[in-house]
């Protein structure tokens, strides 16, 4: 059986779809799974266990100049790659017009079907064309976690039952950037490096940010407890924030600019992660890293980490309005069940 997953963006949404792929592989012997995704996220999807062909597209960029020669050339190449294989099932996990278009363009076998959601779920985007294009539209419980939504849709489409906890199947490669030698360790290969805790402050929405002074105070506590701090960024403005945080810390490393694949591999080397609700934080969850995820809104039920071990989890979310305090986040940090913590 050959299955095509259509989940184009954004970064966190792409990560949330990965457990569905692992379910499909566990339920259907010999299944082959391909995935259509925005090109920026293709290197990450390529690290998802069980994904065969990764078919990159650039709909975000193409729609800005739909009639340009470059767009027309790239669109033709995309369609040729998409339609090179026929599928027994095309599953639109996005639920938007753009994903419905991709699902419609994909080729299916004589007995193949296109599947999509029949309704919107709480807090998610949804557009009617996804239902119109589908051969089978599947109704879902409205109040459902983003990971579970994808798992349930695939299970209903392919007729199996969702079992067990989330398994992302995200494996790091060997492209990690090496951390610099810490202070006082220059030239001494016998001094072990301190464990790094990554701080993920960047997010696409300003109302999801955590105050700069909070990041500085948290970093100082981490340094005091024996950790080095690694600070991620995705653009020039985030880099400036990273440098402002690092300037106030005794032991901090501002990561250089990296591609998503290298960044994932580098994060995988960290002892733990503290971050806001963002794509990089969701990658930390998928990697199984000890993680505290910070929410200014009570939406962690939909996108945040959830644990089968509530008394001693490796990953937790913390919420407060207008935003959690440093003490709130530190209390969540100390609650994590992980040997890397210095108490």
Protein backbone atom coordinates (compact mmCIF):
# COMPACT_ATOMS: atom_id res chain seq x y z
CA UNK A 1 0.00 0.00 0.00
CA UNK A 2 1.23 3.52 -0.77
CA UNK A 3 0.01 6.53 1.22
CA UNK A 4 0.55 10.25 0.59
CA UNK A 5 0.46 12.64 3.56
CA UNK A 6 -0.35 16.26 2.75
CA UNK A 7 0.80 18.50 5.60
CA UNK A 8 2.48 21.58 4.20
CA UNK A 9 3.13 23.88 7.17
CA UNK A 10 3.80 25.36 9.67
CA UNK A 11 6.76 23.94 11.55
CA UNK A 12 4.90 22.94 14.70
CA UNK A 13 2.00 21.49 12.68
CA UNK A 14 4.41 19.39 10.64
CA UNK A 15 5.98 18.00 13.82
CA UNK A 16 2.53 17.21 15.23
CA UNK A 17 1.74 15.05 12.18
CA UNK A 18 4.75 12.74 12.64
CA UNK A 19 3.16 10.33 15.15
CA UNK A 20 0.41 9.58 12.61
CA UNK A 21 3.08 8.28 10.23
CA UNK A 22 4.40 5.94 12.93
CA UNK A 23 0.85 4.68 13.53
CA UNK A 24 0.38 3.94 9.83
CA UNK A 25 3.65 2.01 9.71
CA UNK A 26 2.75 -0.02 12.79
CA UNK A 27 -0.75 -0.84 11.54
CA UNK A 28 -0.08 -1.71 7.88
CA UNK A 29 2.72 -4.10 7.00
CA UNK A 30 4.88 -2.97 4.11
CA UNK A 31 3.19 0.41 3.74
CA UNK A 32 5.09 3.14 1.88
CA UNK A 33 4.52 6.72 3.02
CA UNK A 34 5.36 9.85 1.06
CA UNK A 35 4.83 13.44 2.30
CA UNK A 36 4.19 16.79 0.60
CA UNK A 37 5.54 19.71 2.65
CA UNK A 38 6.80 23.27 2.22
CA UNK A 39 10.44 23.16 1.15
CA UNK A 40 11.69 24.93 4.28
CA UNK A 41 10.49 21.98 6.38
CA UNK A 42 11.56 19.19 4.01
CA UNK A 43 14.90 18.55 5.80
CA UNK A 44 12.98 17.86 9.02
CA UNK A 45 10.44 15.53 7.38
CA UNK A 46 13.35 13.65 5.81
CA UNK A 47 14.39 12.75 9.39
CA UNK A 48 10.98 11.24 10.18
CA UNK A 49 11.21 7.45 10.33
CA UNK A 50 9.20 5.72 7.62
CA UNK A 51 8.86 8.62 5.21
CA UNK A 52 10.03 7.65 1.73
CA UNK A 53 9.75 10.47 -0.78
CA UNK A 54 9.63 13.99 0.58
CA UNK A 55 7.95 16.18 -2.05
CA UNK A 56 8.78 19.84 -1.42
CA UNK A 57 6.61 22.68 -2.62
CA UNK A 58 6.74 26.45 -2.26
CA UNK A 59 3.10 27.55 -2.23
CA UNK A 60 3.85 30.36 0.22
CA UNK A 61 6.33 31.87 -2.23
CA UNK A 62 4.53 30.97 -5.44
CA UNK A 63 1.34 32.79 -4.47
CA UNK A 64 3.32 36.02 -4.11
CA UNK A 65 4.26 35.93 -7.83
CA UNK A 66 1.91 33.39 -9.45
CA UNK A 67 2.58 34.49 -13.03
CA UNK A 68 6.37 34.80 -12.91
CA UNK A 69 8.49 32.57 -15.12
CA UNK A 70 10.23 31.11 -12.07
CA UNK A 71 6.92 30.21 -10.42
CA UNK A 72 5.57 28.57 -13.57
CA UNK A 73 8.76 26.53 -14.00
CA UNK A 74 8.83 25.40 -10.37
CA UNK A 75 5.10 24.63 -10.38
CA UNK A 76 5.46 22.35 -13.40
CA UNK A 77 8.39 20.55 -11.75
CA UNK A 78 6.39 20.14 -8.54
CA UNK A 79 3.38 18.65 -10.36
CA UNK A 80 5.64 16.26 -12.25
CA UNK A 81 7.20 15.04 -9.01
CA UNK A 82 3.83 14.83 -7.24
CA UNK A 83 2.18 12.88 -10.06
CA UNK A 84 5.07 10.49 -10.69
CA UNK A 85 3.42 8.00 -8.32
CA UNK A 86 -0.18 6.89 -7.80
CA UNK A 87 -1.46 6.41 -4.25
CA UNK A 88 -3.93 4.10 -2.57
CA UNK A 89 -4.71 6.83 -0.06
CA UNK A 90 -4.09 10.59 -0.08
CA UNK A 91 -4.68 12.05 3.39
CA UNK A 92 -5.01 15.82 3.79
CA UNK A 93 -3.97 16.55 7.37
CA UNK A 94 -3.93 20.33 6.81
CA UNK A 95 -7.59 21.08 6.16
CA UNK A 96 -6.98 24.21 4.08
CA UNK A 97 -7.63 25.22 0.45
CA UNK A 98 -3.94 24.95 -0.44
CA UNK A 99 -3.68 21.40 0.90
CA UNK A 100 -6.94 20.46 -0.84
CA UNK A 101 -5.40 21.65 -4.12
CA UNK A 102 -2.36 19.42 -3.59
CA UNK A 103 -4.56 16.45 -2.67
CA UNK A 104 -6.66 17.03 -5.81
CA UNK A 105 -3.56 17.14 -8.02
CA UNK A 106 -2.13 13.92 -6.61
CA UNK A 107 -2.77 10.75 -8.59
CA UNK A 108 -4.65 7.86 -7.02
CA UNK A 109 -4.89 4.21 -8.05
CA UNK A 110 -8.17 2.86 -9.52
CA UNK A 111 -9.28 1.92 -6.00
CA UNK A 112 -7.54 4.81 -4.25
CA UNK A 113 -9.31 7.46 -2.21
CA UNK A 114 -8.67 10.99 -0.96
CA UNK A 115 -9.39 11.58 2.73
CA UNK A 116 -9.82 14.80 4.71
CA UNK A 117 -11.47 16.24 7.81
CA UNK A 118 -15.19 16.93 7.60
CA UNK A 119 -15.13 19.64 10.26
CA UNK A 120 -13.01 22.18 12.09
CA UNK A 121 -11.52 21.31 15.46
CA UNK A 122 -11.13 23.81 18.31
CA UNK A 123 -8.38 26.35 17.69
CA UNK A 124 -7.38 25.06 14.26
CA UNK A 125 -7.77 26.52 10.79
CA UNK A 126 -10.23 24.86 8.41
CA UNK A 127 -11.53 25.67 4.92
CA UNK A 128 -14.41 23.97 3.10
CA UNK A 129 -12.54 22.95 -0.10
CA UNK A 130 -10.70 20.24 1.82
CA UNK A 131 -14.07 18.52 2.33
CA UNK A 132 -15.24 19.09 -1.25
CA UNK A 133 -12.12 17.53 -2.77
CA UNK A 134 -12.14 14.47 -0.53
CA UNK A 135 -13.74 11.20 -1.56
CA UNK A 136 -14.22 10.52 2.14
CA UNK A 137 -14.63 13.33 4.70
CA UNK A 138 -14.13 12.18 8.28
CA UNK A 139 -15.80 13.89 11.24
CA UNK A 140 -13.57 14.40 14.27
CA UNK A 141 -14.18 15.31 17.89
CA UNK A 142 -13.84 19.15 17.97
CA UNK A 143 -11.89 19.33 21.25
CA UNK A 144 -8.77 17.34 20.39
CA UNK A 145 -5.00 17.75 20.68
CA UNK A 146 -3.24 18.52 17.39
CA UNK A 147 -1.23 15.30 17.52
CA UNK A 148 -4.30 13.21 18.27
CA UNK A 149 -6.25 14.89 15.45
CA UNK A 150 -3.77 13.65 12.86
CA UNK A 151 -3.57 10.20 14.45
CA UNK A 152 -7.36 9.81 14.50
CA UNK A 153 -7.80 11.01 10.93
CA UNK A 154 -5.25 8.54 9.56
CA UNK A 155 -6.69 5.72 11.66
CA UNK A 156 -10.22 6.35 10.41
CA UNK A 157 -9.03 6.64 6.80
CA UNK A 158 -7.02 3.42 6.85
CA UNK A 159 -9.28 1.52 9.25
CA UNK A 160 -7.13 0.77 12.28
CA UNK A 161 -7.28 1.81 15.92
CA UNK A 162 -4.95 4.35 17.52
CA UNK A 163 -2.89 2.61 20.18
CA UNK A 164 -0.22 3.67 22.65
CA UNK A 165 1.45 7.00 23.40
CA UNK A 166 2.75 9.42 20.78
CA UNK A 167 5.84 8.23 18.93
CA UNK A 168 7.28 10.86 16.59
CA UNK A 169 9.98 8.79 14.92
CA UNK A 170 12.15 11.90 14.58
CA UNK A 171 15.79 10.88 14.51
CA UNK A 172 18.71 13.33 14.54
CA UNK A 173 21.50 13.14 12.02
CA UNK A 174 25.18 13.91 12.51
CA UNK A 175 25.22 17.53 11.36
CA UNK A 176 25.23 19.12 14.82
CA UNK A 177 27.29 22.25 15.40
CA UNK A 178 29.90 21.67 18.11
CA UNK A 179 29.59 23.77 21.24
CA UNK A 180 32.51 26.06 22.00
CA UNK A 181 34.84 25.17 24.83
CA UNK A 182 33.60 26.70 28.07
CA UNK A 183 35.39 29.35 30.06
CA UNK A 184 38.47 28.02 31.78
CA UNK A 185 38.55 24.94 29.56
CA UNK A 186 40.56 26.24 26.61
CA UNK A 187 43.13 23.67 25.52
CA UNK A 188 42.25 21.23 28.29
CA UNK A 189 40.65 18.14 26.72
CA UNK A 190 40.33 16.43 30.11
CA UNK A 191 37.79 18.94 31.45
CA UNK A 192 34.29 17.78 30.61
CA UNK A 193 31.88 20.23 29.07
CA UNK A 194 28.90 21.40 31.08
CA UNK A 195 25.50 20.18 29.88
CA UNK A 196 23.74 22.72 27.67
CA UNK A 197 20.14 23.84 28.16
CA UNK A 198 18.66 25.44 25.03
CA UNK A 199 16.46 28.51 25.39
CA UNK A 200 13.91 28.95 22.58
CA UNK A 201 12.58 32.51 22.83
CA UNK A 202 11.62 33.09 19.19
CA UNK A 203 8.05 32.75 17.94
CA UNK A 204 6.05 34.01 14.97
CA UNK A 205 3.55 35.75 17.25
CA UNK A 206 4.57 38.58 19.55
CA UNK A 207 1.83 37.74 22.05
CA UNK A 208 3.49 34.34 22.62
CA UNK A 209 6.84 35.87 23.63
CA UNK A 210 8.25 35.72 27.16
CA UNK A 211 9.84 38.94 28.53
CA UNK A 212 13.55 39.48 27.94
CA UNK A 213 14.23 40.04 31.65
CA UNK A 214 12.61 36.67 32.40
CA UNK A 215 14.93 34.86 29.98
CA UNK A 216 17.94 36.57 31.57
CA UNK A 217 16.84 35.62 35.11
CA UNK A 218 16.18 32.02 34.02
CA UNK A 219 19.56 31.80 32.30
CA UNK A 220 21.29 33.09 35.42
CA UNK A 221 19.59 30.42 37.54
CA UNK A 222 20.64 27.73 35.07
CA UNK A 223 24.24 28.97 35.14
CA UNK A 224 24.15 28.98 38.95
CA UNK A 225 22.99 25.35 38.93
CA UNK A 226 25.85 24.23 36.71
CA UNK A 227 24.39 24.46 33.21
CA UNK A 228 25.65 26.24 30.13
CA UNK A 229 22.95 28.01 28.14
CA UNK A 230 22.51 27.71 24.37
CA UNK A 231 20.25 30.28 22.73
CA UNK A 232 18.47 29.69 19.43
CA UNK A 233 17.33 32.25 16.86
CA UNK A 234 15.77 32.21 13.40
CA UNK A 235 16.22 35.75 12.09
CA UNK A 236 18.10 38.98 12.73
CA UNK A 237 15.67 40.28 15.35
CA UNK A 238 15.77 37.00 17.28
CA UNK A 239 19.55 36.97 17.05
CA UNK A 240 19.67 40.42 18.66
CA UNK A 241 17.49 39.12 21.50
CA UNK A 242 19.73 36.07 21.89
CA UNK A 243 22.79 38.28 22.15
CA UNK A 244 21.06 40.53 24.69
CA UNK A 245 20.31 37.50 26.87
CA UNK A 246 23.80 36.07 26.51
CA UNK A 247 25.41 39.38 27.43
CA UNK A 248 23.93 39.08 30.93
CA UNK A 249 24.98 35.46 31.52
CA UNK A 250 28.23 33.99 32.76
CA UNK A 251 28.10 30.97 30.44
CA UNK A 252 26.06 31.27 27.26
CA UNK A 253 26.37 30.24 23.62
CA UNK A 254 24.40 32.03 20.90
CA UNK A 255 23.91 29.51 18.14
CA UNK A 256 25.05 30.52 14.66
CA UNK A 257 22.55 30.64 11.82
CA UNK A 258 21.66 27.05 10.87
CA UNK A 259 19.41 25.17 8.52
CA UNK A 260 16.52 23.31 10.09
CA UNK A 261 18.27 19.95 9.81
CA UNK A 262 21.48 21.18 11.49
CA UNK A 263 19.48 23.01 14.13
CA UNK A 264 17.54 19.83 14.94
CA UNK A 265 20.75 17.83 15.22
CA UNK A 266 22.32 20.48 17.44
CA UNK A 267 19.28 20.67 19.72
CA UNK A 268 19.37 16.89 20.07
CA UNK A 269 22.75 17.24 21.82
CA UNK A 270 21.29 19.45 24.56
CA UNK A 271 20.48 18.22 28.04
CA UNK A 272 17.09 19.99 28.06
CA UNK A 273 15.09 22.80 26.45
CA UNK A 274 12.97 25.66 27.78
CA UNK A 275 10.91 27.44 25.15
CA UNK A 276 7.77 29.29 24.20
CA UNK A 277 5.01 27.77 22.06
CA UNK A 278 6.93 27.54 18.79
CA UNK A 279 8.07 25.10 16.14
CA UNK A 280 11.48 24.60 17.74
CA UNK A 281 9.87 23.77 21.07
CA UNK A 282 7.72 21.16 19.36
CA UNK A 283 10.88 19.67 17.80
CA UNK A 284 12.27 19.37 21.35
CA UNK A 285 9.16 17.40 22.30
CA UNK A 286 9.53 15.16 19.25
CA UNK A 287 13.17 14.49 20.12
CA UNK A 288 12.11 13.39 23.60
CA UNK A 289 14.22 16.03 25.33
CA UNK A 290 13.39 17.20 28.85
CA UNK A 291 11.37 20.31 28.10
CA UNK A 292 9.37 23.13 29.69
CA UNK A 293 7.01 24.86 27.24
CA UNK A 294 5.81 28.37 28.16
CA UNK A 295 2.26 29.54 27.37
CA UNK A 296 0.72 33.00 27.75
CA UNK A 297 -2.64 31.50 26.72
CA UNK A 298 -4.46 28.44 28.01
CA UNK A 299 -3.89 26.47 24.79
CA UNK A 300 -1.36 23.89 25.95
CA UNK A 301 -4.16 21.29 25.90
CA UNK A 302 -4.13 21.62 22.08
CA UNK A 303 -0.45 21.90 21.17
CA UNK A 304 1.64 21.40 24.30
CA UNK A 305 3.49 18.32 25.52
CA UNK A 306 1.42 15.77 27.36
CA UNK A 307 2.76 12.96 29.49
CA UNK A 308 1.56 9.50 30.48
CA UNK A 309 3.50 9.98 33.74
CA UNK A 310 1.87 13.06 35.35
CA UNK A 311 3.77 12.60 38.63
CA UNK A 312 7.21 12.61 37.01
CA UNK A 313 7.06 13.83 33.40
CA UNK A 314 9.99 14.61 31.13
CA UNK A 315 8.02 17.36 29.38
CA UNK A 316 5.56 19.87 30.83
CA UNK A 317 3.80 23.06 29.87
CA UNK A 318 3.33 26.05 32.15
CA UNK A 319 0.62 28.68 31.68
CA UNK A 320 -0.23 31.98 33.31
CA UNK A 321 -1.85 35.20 32.18
CA UNK A 322 -0.40 37.62 31.21
CA UNK A 323 2.64 35.34 31.23
CA UNK A 324 4.26 32.83 33.61
CA UNK A 325 6.77 34.23 36.08
CA UNK A 326 10.35 33.03 36.33
CA UNK A 327 9.38 31.19 39.51
CA UNK A 328 6.52 29.47 37.64
CA UNK A 329 8.90 28.21 34.97
CA UNK A 330 11.57 27.22 37.47
CA UNK A 331 9.05 25.23 39.48
CA UNK A 332 8.04 23.39 36.29
CA UNK A 333 11.72 22.83 35.50
CA UNK A 334 12.36 21.25 38.91
CA UNK A 335 9.27 19.06 38.45
CA UNK A 336 10.80 17.32 35.42
CA UNK A 337 11.92 13.74 35.94
CA UNK A 338 15.38 13.76 34.43
CA UNK A 339 18.87 13.03 35.77
CA UNK A 340 20.34 16.14 34.13
CA UNK A 341 18.77 18.47 36.66
CA UNK A 342 20.88 19.88 39.45
CA UNK A 343 18.62 20.47 42.44
